[in-house]
Amino acid sequence: MTRPESIQQIRDACKTIALQFMKIHPALPHLQDSETMGDCLKSMHEMTVQLEIIKKKIGKLERQDDSTLL
């Protein structure tokens, strides 16, 4: 697998994870438990932050590769 292929695979996986998070959020109120809902929202936020870190690192690496072409 080449670096660009790897970057695309990681980017696609991040998108899939984010889409799945969007399915969790609307289901939480139906649990009818505010403590569980709060904990889940907090955890989803933390995971989203970590996902964004991955995406930023991948973007930085991709831009670094592009700058060597010039």
PDB file of N, CA and C in Angstrom:
ATOM      1  N   MET A   1       0.851  -1.173   0.000  1.00  0.00           N
ATOM      2  CA  MET A   1       0.000   0.000   0.000  1.00  0.00           C
ATOM      3  C   MET A   1       0.895   1.234   0.000  1.00  0.00           C
ATOM      4  N   THR A   2       0.564   2.163  -0.836  1.00  0.00           N
ATOM      5  CA  THR A   2       1.337   3.398  -0.895  1.00  0.00           C
ATOM      6  C   THR A   2       0.866   4.360   0.202  1.00  0.00           C
ATOM      7  N   ARG A   3       1.664   5.407   0.429  1.00  0.00           N
ATOM      8  CA  ARG A   3       1.283   6.399   1.431  1.00  0.00           C
ATOM      9  C   ARG A   3      -0.044   7.070   1.074  1.00  0.00           C
ATOM     10  N   PRO A   4      -0.243   7.512  -0.171  1.00  0.00           N
ATOM     11  CA  PRO A   4      -1.542   8.114  -0.509  1.00  0.00           C
ATOM     12  C   PRO A   4      -2.725   7.153  -0.313  1.00  0.00           C
ATOM     13  N   GLU A   5      -2.520   5.888  -0.626  1.00  0.00           N
ATOM     14  CA  GLU A   5      -3.583   4.900  -0.404  1.00  0.00           C
ATOM     15  C   GLU A   5      -3.868   4.736   1.087  1.00  0.00           C
ATOM     16  N   SER A   6      -2.819   4.733   1.873  1.00  0.00           N
ATOM     17  CA  SER A   6      -2.963   4.619   3.322  1.00  0.00           C
ATOM     18  C   SER A   6      -3.699   5.823   3.893  1.00  0.00           C
ATOM     19  N   ILE A   7      -3.323   7.005   3.428  1.00  0.00           N
ATOM     20  CA  ILE A   7      -3.980   8.236   3.876  1.00  0.00           C
ATOM     21  C   ILE A   7      -5.464   8.182   3.524  1.00  0.00           C
ATOM     22  N   GLN A   8      -5.792   7.749   2.320  1.00  0.00           N
ATOM     23  CA  GLN A   8      -7.195   7.677   1.911  1.00  0.00           C
ATOM     24  C   GLN A   8      -7.959   6.653   2.736  1.00  0.00           C
ATOM     25  N   GLN A   9      -7.343   5.526   3.028  1.00  0.00           N
ATOM     26  CA  GLN A   9      -8.001   4.495   3.833  1.00  0.00           C
ATOM     27  C   GLN A   9      -8.300   5.022   5.237  1.00  0.00           C
ATOM     28  N   ILE A  10      -7.342   5.725   5.821  1.00  0.00           N
ATOM     29  CA  ILE A  10      -7.537   6.305   7.156  1.00  0.00           C
ATOM     30  C   ILE A  10      -8.617   7.378   7.106  1.00  0.00           C
ATOM     31  N   ARG A  11      -8.574   8.213   6.093  1.00  0.00           N
ATOM     32  CA  ARG A  11      -9.583   9.274   5.937  1.00  0.00           C
ATOM     33  C   ARG A  11     -10.983   8.663   5.791  1.00  0.00           C
ATOM     34  N   ASP A  12     -11.109   7.605   5.008  1.00  0.00           N
ATOM     35  CA  ASP A  12     -12.407   6.934   4.832  1.00  0.00           C
ATOM     36  C   ASP A  12     -12.896   6.327   6.152  1.00  0.00           C
ATOM     37  N   ALA A  13     -11.988   5.721   6.902  1.00  0.00           N
ATOM     38  CA  ALA A  13     -12.366   5.132   8.188  1.00  0.00           C
ATOM     39  C   ALA A  13     -12.829   6.208   9.168  1.00  0.00           C
ATOM     40  N   CYS A  14     -12.154   7.335   9.186  1.00  0.00           N
ATOM     41  CA  CYS A  14     -12.555   8.445  10.059  1.00  0.00           C
ATOM     42  C   CYS A  14     -13.955   8.931   9.696  1.00  0.00           C
ATOM     43  N   LYS A  15     -14.240   8.999   8.413  1.00  0.00           N
ATOM     44  CA  LYS A  15     -15.562   9.440   7.968  1.00  0.00           C
ATOM     45  C   LYS A  15     -16.629   8.445   8.416  1.00  0.00           C
ATOM     46  N   THR A  16     -16.343   7.158   8.292  1.00  0.00           N
ATOM     47  CA  THR A  16     -17.290   6.125   8.711  1.00  0.00           C
ATOM     48  C   THR A  16     -17.562   6.210  10.205  1.00  0.00           C
ATOM     49  N   ILE A  17     -16.512   6.395  10.979  1.00  0.00           N
ATOM     50  CA  ILE A  17     -16.671   6.511  12.431  1.00  0.00           C
ATOM     51  C   ILE A  17     -17.526   7.726  12.773  1.00  0.00           C
ATOM     52  N   ALA A  18     -17.256   8.856  12.145  1.00  0.00           N
ATOM     53  CA  ALA A  18     -18.030  10.072  12.403  1.00  0.00           C
ATOM     54  C   ALA A  18     -19.502   9.873  12.048  1.00  0.00           C
ATOM     55  N   LEU A  19     -19.775   9.190  10.953  1.00  0.00           N
ATOM     56  CA  LEU A  19     -21.165   8.924  10.564  1.00  0.00           C
ATOM     57  C   LEU A  19     -21.865   8.030  11.591  1.00  0.00           C
ATOM     58  N   GLN A  20     -21.139   7.089  12.148  1.00  0.00           N
ATOM     59  CA  GLN A  20     -21.723   6.219  13.169  1.00  0.00           C
ATOM     60  C   GLN A  20     -22.003   6.999  14.454  1.00  0.00           C
ATOM     61  N   PHE A  21     -21.129   7.929  14.807  1.00  0.00           N
ATOM     62  CA  PHE A  21     -21.371   8.784  15.975  1.00  0.00           C
ATOM     63  C   PHE A  21     -22.683   9.546  15.802  1.00  0.00           C
ATOM     64  N   MET A  22     -22.953   9.991  14.585  1.00  0.00           N
ATOM     65  CA  MET A  22     -24.184  10.753  14.333  1.00  0.00           C
ATOM     66  C   MET A  22     -25.430   9.890  14.537  1.00  0.00           C
ATOM     67  N   LYS A  23     -25.292   8.584  14.478  1.00  0.00           N
ATOM     68  CA  LYS A  23     -26.420   7.688  14.730  1.00  0.00           C
ATOM     69  C   LYS A  23     -26.636   7.486  16.222  1.00  0.00           C
ATOM     70  N   ILE A  24     -25.582   7.600  16.999  1.00  0.00           N
ATOM     71  CA  ILE A  24     -25.670   7.397  18.449  1.00  0.00           C
ATOM     72  C   ILE A  24     -26.389   8.563  19.115  1.00  0.00           C
ATOM     73  N   HIS A  25     -26.007   9.765  18.747  1.00  0.00           N
ATOM     74  CA  HIS A  25     -26.508  10.966  19.409  1.00  0.00           C
ATOM     75  C   HIS A  25     -28.035  11.029  19.512  1.00  0.00           C
ATOM     76  N   PRO A  26     -28.777  10.849  18.415  1.00  0.00           N
ATOM     77  CA  PRO A  26     -30.239  10.957  18.536  1.00  0.00           C
ATOM     78  C   PRO A  26     -30.880   9.814  19.329  1.00  0.00           C
ATOM     79  N   ALA A  27     -30.184   8.717  19.495  1.00  0.00           N
ATOM     80  CA  ALA A  27     -30.741   7.584  20.236  1.00  0.00           C
ATOM     81  C   ALA A  27     -30.596   7.744  21.748  1.00  0.00           C
ATOM     82  N   LEU A  28     -29.675   8.573  22.179  1.00  0.00           N
ATOM     83  CA  LEU A  28     -29.387   8.682  23.615  1.00  0.00           C
ATOM     84  C   LEU A  28     -30.575   9.111  24.474  1.00  0.00           C
ATOM     85  N   PRO A  29     -31.366  10.104  24.066  1.00  0.00           N
ATOM     86  CA  PRO A  29     -32.496  10.494  24.925  1.00  0.00           C
ATOM     87  C   PRO A  29     -33.492   9.356  25.183  1.00  0.00           C
ATOM     88  N   HIS A  30     -33.563   8.413  24.257  1.00  0.00           N
ATOM     89  CA  HIS A  30     -34.504   7.303  24.395  1.00  0.00           C
ATOM     90  C   HIS A  30     -34.064   6.296  25.451  1.00  0.00           C
ATOM     91  N   LEU A  31     -32.841   6.426  25.941  1.00  0.00           N
ATOM     92  CA  LEU A  31     -32.401   5.577  27.045  1.00  0.00           C
ATOM     93  C   LEU A  31     -33.111   5.958  28.334  1.00  0.00           C
ATOM     94  N   GLN A  32     -33.572   7.188  28.384  1.00  0.00           N
ATOM     95  CA  GLN A  32     -34.281   7.726  29.540  1.00  0.00           C
ATOM     96  C   GLN A  32     -33.463   7.611  30.818  1.00  0.00           C
ATOM     97  N   ASP A  33     -32.187   7.905  30.693  1.00  0.00           N
ATOM     98  CA  ASP A  33     -31.297   7.910  31.852  1.00  0.00           C
ATOM     99  C   ASP A  33     -30.298   9.046  31.648  1.00  0.00           C
ATOM    100  N   SER A  34     -30.479  10.122  32.396  1.00  0.00           N
ATOM    101  CA  SER A  34     -29.671  11.317  32.174  1.00  0.00           C
ATOM    102  C   SER A  34     -28.195  11.096  32.484  1.00  0.00           C
ATOM    103  N   GLU A  35     -27.885  10.275  33.471  1.00  0.00           N
ATOM    104  CA  GLU A  35     -26.480  10.018  33.794  1.00  0.00           C
ATOM    105  C   GLU A  35     -25.788   9.280  32.656  1.00  0.00           C
ATOM    106  N   THR A  36     -26.439   8.252  32.140  1.00  0.00           N
ATOM    107  CA  THR A  36     -25.872   7.489  31.027  1.00  0.00           C
ATOM    108  C   THR A  36     -25.745   8.370  29.795  1.00  0.00           C
ATOM    109  N   MET A  37     -26.775   9.171  29.546  1.00  0.00           N
ATOM    110  CA  MET A  37     -26.740  10.060  28.395  1.00  0.00           C
ATOM    111  C   MET A  37     -25.588  11.046  28.512  1.00  0.00           C
ATOM    112  N   GLY A  38     -25.431  11.637  29.678  1.00  0.00           N
ATOM    113  CA  GLY A  38     -24.339  12.583  29.894  1.00  0.00           C
ATOM    114  C   GLY A  38     -22.977  11.946  29.708  1.00  0.00           C
ATOM    115  N   ASP A  39     -22.814  10.753  30.274  1.00  0.00           N
ATOM    116  CA  ASP A  39     -21.530  10.052  30.137  1.00  0.00           C
ATOM    117  C   ASP A  39     -21.249   9.694  28.680  1.00  0.00           C
ATOM    118  N   CYS A  40     -22.286   9.271  27.972  1.00  0.00           N
ATOM    119  CA  CYS A  40     -22.115   8.917  26.556  1.00  0.00           C
ATOM    120  C   CYS A  40     -21.760  10.146  25.723  1.00  0.00           C
ATOM    121  N   LEU A  41     -22.437  11.255  25.979  1.00  0.00           N
ATOM    122  CA  LEU A  41     -22.123  12.488  25.245  1.00  0.00           C
ATOM    123  C   LEU A  41     -20.698  12.938  25.511  1.00  0.00           C
ATOM    124  N   LYS A  42     -20.277  12.853  26.763  1.00  0.00           N
ATOM    125  CA  LYS A  42     -18.903  13.222  27.116  1.00  0.00           C
ATOM    126  C   LYS A  42     -17.906  12.311  26.396  1.00  0.00           C
ATOM    127  N   SER A  43     -18.173  11.025  26.401  1.00  0.00           N
ATOM    128  CA  SER A  43     -17.274  10.071  25.741  1.00  0.00           C
ATOM    129  C   SER A  43     -17.234  10.290  24.240  1.00  0.00           C
ATOM    130  N   MET A  44     -18.402  10.550  23.644  1.00  0.00           N
ATOM    131  CA  MET A  44     -18.433  10.805  22.202  1.00  0.00           C
ATOM    132  C   MET A  44     -17.653  12.066  21.858  1.00  0.00           C
ATOM    133  N   HIS A  45     -17.750  13.066  22.706  1.00  0.00           N
ATOM    134  CA  HIS A  45     -16.991  14.301  22.472  1.00  0.00           C
ATOM    135  C   HIS A  45     -15.490  14.010  22.507  1.00  0.00           C
ATOM    136  N   GLU A  46     -15.061  13.268  23.527  1.00  0.00           N
ATOM    137  CA  GLU A  46     -13.645  12.925  23.650  1.00  0.00           C
ATOM    138  C   GLU A  46     -13.162  12.114  22.455  1.00  0.00           C
ATOM    139  N   MET A  47     -13.972  11.174  21.998  1.00  0.00           N
ATOM    140  CA  MET A  47     -13.594  10.363  20.846  1.00  0.00           C
ATOM    141  C   MET A  47     -13.545  11.208  19.571  1.00  0.00           C
ATOM    142  N   THR A  48     -14.464  12.153  19.466  1.00  0.00           N
ATOM    143  CA  THR A  48     -14.465  13.043  18.304  1.00  0.00           C
ATOM    144  C   THR A  48     -13.202  13.896  18.285  1.00  0.00           C
ATOM    145  N   VAL A  49     -12.789  14.374  19.452  1.00  0.00           N
ATOM    146  CA  VAL A  49     -11.547  15.154  19.537  1.00  0.00           C
ATOM    147  C   VAL A  49     -10.372  14.297  19.066  1.00  0.00           C
ATOM    148  N   GLN A  50     -10.304  13.063  19.511  1.00  0.00           N
ATOM    149  CA  GLN A  50      -9.208  12.174  19.122  1.00  0.00           C
ATOM    150  C   GLN A  50      -9.255  11.876  17.617  1.00  0.00           C
ATOM    151  N   LEU A  51     -10.452  11.713  17.083  1.00  0.00           N
ATOM    152  CA  LEU A  51     -10.618  11.483  15.648  1.00  0.00           C
ATOM    153  C   LEU A  51     -10.116  12.685  14.854  1.00  0.00           C
ATOM    154  N   GLU A  52     -10.409  13.887  15.331  1.00  0.00           N
ATOM    155  CA  GLU A  52      -9.943  15.100  14.664  1.00  0.00           C
ATOM    156  C   GLU A  52      -8.418  15.202  14.702  1.00  0.00           C
ATOM    157  N   ILE A  53      -7.810  14.739  15.781  1.00  0.00           N
ATOM    158  CA  ILE A  53      -6.344  14.728  15.863  1.00  0.00           C
ATOM    159  C   ILE A  53      -5.770  13.836  14.770  1.00  0.00           C
ATOM    160  N   ILE A  54      -6.368  12.671  14.586  1.00  0.00           N
ATOM    161  CA  ILE A  54      -5.913  11.764  13.529  1.00  0.00           C
ATOM    162  C   ILE A  54      -6.038  12.446  12.171  1.00  0.00           C
ATOM    163  N   LYS A  55      -7.171  13.064  11.916  1.00  0.00           N
ATOM    164  CA  LYS A  55      -7.389  13.721  10.629  1.00  0.00           C
ATOM    165  C   LYS A  55      -6.401  14.858  10.403  1.00  0.00           C
ATOM    166  N   LYS A  56      -6.101  15.635  11.433  1.00  0.00           N
ATOM    167  CA  LYS A  56      -5.133  16.728  11.302  1.00  0.00           C
ATOM    168  C   LYS A  56      -3.738  16.190  11.015  1.00  0.00           C
ATOM    169  N   LYS A  57      -3.352  15.125  11.706  1.00  0.00           N
ATOM    170  CA  LYS A  57      -2.028  14.525  11.483  1.00  0.00           C
ATOM    171  C   LYS A  57      -1.908  14.003  10.061  1.00  0.00           C
ATOM    172  N   ILE A  58      -2.958  13.356   9.579  1.00  0.00           N
ATOM    173  CA  ILE A  58      -2.957  12.824   8.215  1.00  0.00           C
ATOM    174  C   ILE A  58      -2.877  13.970   7.204  1.00  0.00           C
ATOM    175  N   GLY A  59      -3.638  15.028   7.449  1.00  0.00           N
ATOM    176  CA  GLY A  59      -3.607  16.189   6.554  1.00  0.00           C
ATOM    177  C   GLY A  59      -2.238  16.839   6.525  1.00  0.00           C
ATOM    178  N   LYS A  60      -1.616  16.937   7.699  1.00  0.00           N
ATOM    179  CA  LYS A  60      -0.275  17.526   7.778  1.00  0.00           C
ATOM    180  C   LYS A  60       0.720  16.676   6.993  1.00  0.00           C
ATOM    181  N   LEU A  61       0.635  15.370   7.146  1.00  0.00           N
ATOM    182  CA  LEU A  61       1.525  14.461   6.424  1.00  0.00           C
ATOM    183  C   LEU A  61       1.296  14.571   4.917  1.00  0.00           C
ATOM    184  N   GLU A  62       0.045  14.677   4.520  1.00  0.00           N
ATOM    185  CA  GLU A  62      -0.282  14.799   3.103  1.00  0.00           C
ATOM    186  C   GLU A  62       0.259  16.114   2.521  1.00  0.00           C
ATOM    187  N   ARG A  63       0.104  17.194   3.252  1.00  0.00           N
ATOM    188  CA  ARG A  63       0.638  18.487   2.790  1.00  0.00           C
ATOM    189  C   ARG A  63       2.161  18.449   2.726  1.00  0.00           C
ATOM    190  N   GLN A  64       2.775  17.754   3.664  1.00  0.00           N
ATOM    191  CA  GLN A  64       4.234  17.614   3.675  1.00  0.00           C
ATOM    192  C   GLN A  64       4.699  16.889   2.413  1.00  0.00           C
ATOM    193  N   ASP A  65       3.976  15.845   2.027  1.00  0.00           N
ATOM    194  CA  ASP A  65       4.288  15.095   0.808  1.00  0.00           C
ATOM    195  C   ASP A  65       4.128  15.993  -0.425  1.00  0.00           C
ATOM    196  N   ASP A  66       3.048  16.783  -0.442  1.00  0.00           N
ATOM    197  CA  ASP A  66       2.790  17.662  -1.580  1.00  0.00           C
ATOM    198  C   ASP A  66       3.869  18.731  -1.723  1.00  0.00           C
ATOM    199  N   SER A  67       4.403  19.212  -0.608  1.00  0.00           N
ATOM    200  CA  SER A  67       5.395  20.286  -0.688  1.00  0.00           C
ATOM    201  C   SER A  67       6.728  19.785  -1.249  1.00  0.00           C
ATOM    202  N   THR A  68       6.983  18.485  -1.160  1.00  0.00           N
ATOM    203  CA  THR A  68       8.235  17.951  -1.710  1.00  0.00           C
ATOM    204  C   THR A  68       8.157  17.835  -3.223  1.00  0.00           C
ATOM    205  N   LEU A  69       6.952  17.908  -3.789  1.00  0.00           N
ATOM    206  CA  LEU A  69       6.810  17.816  -5.245  1.00  0.00           C
ATOM    207  C   LEU A  69       7.212  19.098  -5.938  1.00  0.00           C
ATOM    208  N   LEU A  70       7.198  20.208  -5.196  1.00  0.00           N
ATOM    209  CA  LEU A  70       7.504  21.500  -5.819  1.00  0.00           C
ATOM    210  C   LEU A  70       8.932  21.675  -6.102  1.00  0.00           C
TER     211      LEU A  70
END
